[in-house]
């Protein structure tokens, strides 16, 4: 679940938010006039999402796999299996 902050709160708490996201992960949504405008997240989490999309693994594909009972593996194991380690 994402935390929501106004742009004013985000500006005032930016160092704290960066430290929190870097260590704990998660997301923070910044709102302007009550409407979500920007999401901040841990960089490693973001890169993992990009890697998943590069493999064609979308949230829908993940859910379908879980619903059908297909066994899953970590992204790191998938990279190793296909020789794509960093």
C-alpha atoms as a PDB file:
ATOM      1  CA  UNK A   1       0.000   0.000   0.000  1.00  0.00           C
ATOM      2  CA  UNK A   2       1.256   3.447  -0.881  1.00  0.00           C
ATOM      3  CA  UNK A   3       1.562   6.379   1.480  1.00  0.00           C
ATOM      4  CA  UNK A   4       0.164   9.690   0.250  1.00  0.00           C
ATOM      5  CA  UNK A   5       1.689  13.110   0.923  1.00  0.00           C
ATOM      6  CA  UNK A   6       0.900  16.546  -0.426  1.00  0.00           C
ATOM      7  CA  UNK A   7       3.557  18.264  -2.478  1.00  0.00           C
ATOM      8  CA  UNK A   8       4.183  20.611   0.468  1.00  0.00           C
ATOM      9  CA  UNK A   9       4.628  17.670   2.862  1.00  0.00           C
ATOM     10  CA  UNK A  10       6.846  15.919   0.341  1.00  0.00           C
ATOM     11  CA  UNK A  11       9.066  18.969  -0.020  1.00  0.00           C
ATOM     12  CA  UNK A  12       9.415  19.315   3.756  1.00  0.00           C
ATOM     13  CA  UNK A  13      10.029  15.596   4.327  1.00  0.00           C
ATOM     14  CA  UNK A  14      12.080  14.744   1.229  1.00  0.00           C
ATOM     15  CA  UNK A  15      15.280  13.641   3.039  1.00  0.00           C
ATOM     16  CA  UNK A  16      13.217  11.484   5.421  1.00  0.00           C
ATOM     17  CA  UNK A  17      11.164   9.983   2.569  1.00  0.00           C
ATOM     18  CA  UNK A  18      14.278   9.144   0.544  1.00  0.00           C
ATOM     19  CA  UNK A  19      15.873   7.442   3.552  1.00  0.00           C
ATOM     20  CA  UNK A  20      12.677   5.497   4.297  1.00  0.00           C
ATOM     21  CA  UNK A  21      12.190   4.343   0.690  1.00  0.00           C
ATOM     22  CA  UNK A  22      15.844   3.418   0.295  1.00  0.00           C
ATOM     23  CA  UNK A  23      15.845   1.239   3.404  1.00  0.00           C
ATOM     24  CA  UNK A  24      12.275  -0.096   3.640  1.00  0.00           C
ATOM     25  CA  UNK A  25      10.979  -0.011   0.062  1.00  0.00           C
ATOM     26  CA  UNK A  26       7.362   0.828  -0.589  1.00  0.00           C
ATOM     27  CA  UNK A  27       5.935   3.789  -2.430  1.00  0.00           C
ATOM     28  CA  UNK A  28       4.969   7.360  -1.681  1.00  0.00           C
ATOM     29  CA  UNK A  29       2.397   9.115  -3.860  1.00  0.00           C
ATOM     30  CA  UNK A  30       2.660  12.894  -4.052  1.00  0.00           C
ATOM     31  CA  UNK A  31      -0.634  14.708  -4.512  1.00  0.00           C
ATOM     32  CA  UNK A  32      -1.456  18.174  -5.839  1.00  0.00           C
ATOM     33  CA  UNK A  33      -4.863  19.521  -4.848  1.00  0.00           C
ATOM     34  CA  UNK A  34      -5.778  16.032  -3.620  1.00  0.00           C
ATOM     35  CA  UNK A  35      -4.979  14.282  -6.909  1.00  0.00           C
ATOM     36  CA  UNK A  36      -2.087  11.811  -7.319  1.00  0.00           C
ATOM     37  CA  UNK A  37       0.594  13.285  -9.586  1.00  0.00           C
ATOM     38  CA  UNK A  38       3.905  11.511  -8.849  1.00  0.00           C
ATOM     39  CA  UNK A  39       5.002   8.266  -7.232  1.00  0.00           C
ATOM     40  CA  UNK A  40       8.365   7.798  -5.544  1.00  0.00           C
ATOM     41  CA  UNK A  41       9.743   4.342  -4.892  1.00  0.00           C
ATOM     42  CA  UNK A  42      12.920   2.454  -4.035  1.00  0.00           C
ATOM     43  CA  UNK A  43      15.256   2.385  -7.054  1.00  0.00           C
ATOM     44  CA  UNK A  44      15.976  -1.355  -6.775  1.00  0.00           C
ATOM     45  CA  UNK A  45      12.236  -2.114  -6.715  1.00  0.00           C
ATOM     46  CA  UNK A  46      11.789   0.052  -9.814  1.00  0.00           C
ATOM     47  CA  UNK A  47      14.589  -1.727 -11.672  1.00  0.00           C
ATOM     48  CA  UNK A  48      13.083  -5.113 -10.767  1.00  0.00           C
ATOM     49  CA  UNK A  49       9.752  -4.022 -12.261  1.00  0.00           C
ATOM     50  CA  UNK A  50      11.532  -2.945 -15.461  1.00  0.00           C
ATOM     51  CA  UNK A  51      13.315  -6.316 -15.613  1.00  0.00           C
ATOM     52  CA  UNK A  52      10.015  -8.139 -15.221  1.00  0.00           C
ATOM     53  CA  UNK A  53       8.447  -6.183 -18.076  1.00  0.00           C
ATOM     54  CA  UNK A  54      11.513  -6.893 -20.230  1.00  0.00           C
ATOM     55  CA  UNK A  55      10.742 -10.605 -19.763  1.00  0.00           C
ATOM     56  CA  UNK A  56       7.076  -9.988 -20.587  1.00  0.00           C
ATOM     57  CA  UNK A  57       6.042 -10.560 -16.989  1.00  0.00           C
ATOM     58  CA  UNK A  58       3.137  -8.189 -16.338  1.00  0.00           C
ATOM     59  CA  UNK A  59       0.928  -8.084 -13.244  1.00  0.00           C
ATOM     60  CA  UNK A  60      -1.756  -9.908 -15.266  1.00  0.00           C
ATOM     61  CA  UNK A  61       0.682 -12.685 -16.228  1.00  0.00           C
ATOM     62  CA  UNK A  62       1.785 -13.043 -12.605  1.00  0.00           C
ATOM     63  CA  UNK A  63      -1.809 -13.267 -11.378  1.00  0.00           C
ATOM     64  CA  UNK A  64      -2.739 -15.819 -14.050  1.00  0.00           C
ATOM     65  CA  UNK A  65       0.265 -17.934 -13.070  1.00  0.00           C
ATOM     66  CA  UNK A  66      -0.670 -17.817  -9.406  1.00  0.00           C
ATOM     67  CA  UNK A  67      -4.326 -18.576 -10.155  1.00  0.00           C
ATOM     68  CA  UNK A  68      -3.425 -21.589 -12.301  1.00  0.00           C
ATOM     69  CA  UNK A  69      -1.102 -23.034  -9.673  1.00  0.00           C
ATOM     70  CA  UNK A  70       2.043 -22.704 -11.788  1.00  0.00           C
ATOM     71  CA  UNK A  71       5.111 -22.719  -9.594  1.00  0.00           C
ATOM     72  CA  UNK A  72       7.073 -19.485  -9.511  1.00  0.00           C
ATOM     73  CA  UNK A  73      10.714 -18.520  -9.153  1.00  0.00           C
ATOM     74  CA  UNK A  74      12.498 -15.353  -8.168  1.00  0.00           C
ATOM     75  CA  UNK A  75      13.615 -12.911 -10.829  1.00  0.00           C
ATOM     76  CA  UNK A  76      17.222 -13.627  -9.836  1.00  0.00           C
ATOM     77  CA  UNK A  77      16.712 -17.359 -10.460  1.00  0.00           C
ATOM     78  CA  UNK A  78      15.050 -16.620 -13.795  1.00  0.00           C
ATOM     79  CA  UNK A  79      18.020 -14.462 -14.834  1.00  0.00           C
ATOM     80  CA  UNK A  80      20.444 -17.216 -13.814  1.00  0.00           C
ATOM     81  CA  UNK A  81      18.474 -19.831 -15.729  1.00  0.00           C
ATOM     82  CA  UNK A  82      18.685 -17.741 -18.895  1.00  0.00           C
ATOM     83  CA  UNK A  83      22.266 -16.546 -18.397  1.00  0.00           C
ATOM     84  CA  UNK A  84      21.264 -12.931 -17.810  1.00  0.00           C
ATOM     85  CA  UNK A  85      22.993 -12.254 -14.530  1.00  0.00           C
ATOM     86  CA  UNK A  86      24.263  -8.708 -13.970  1.00  0.00           C
END
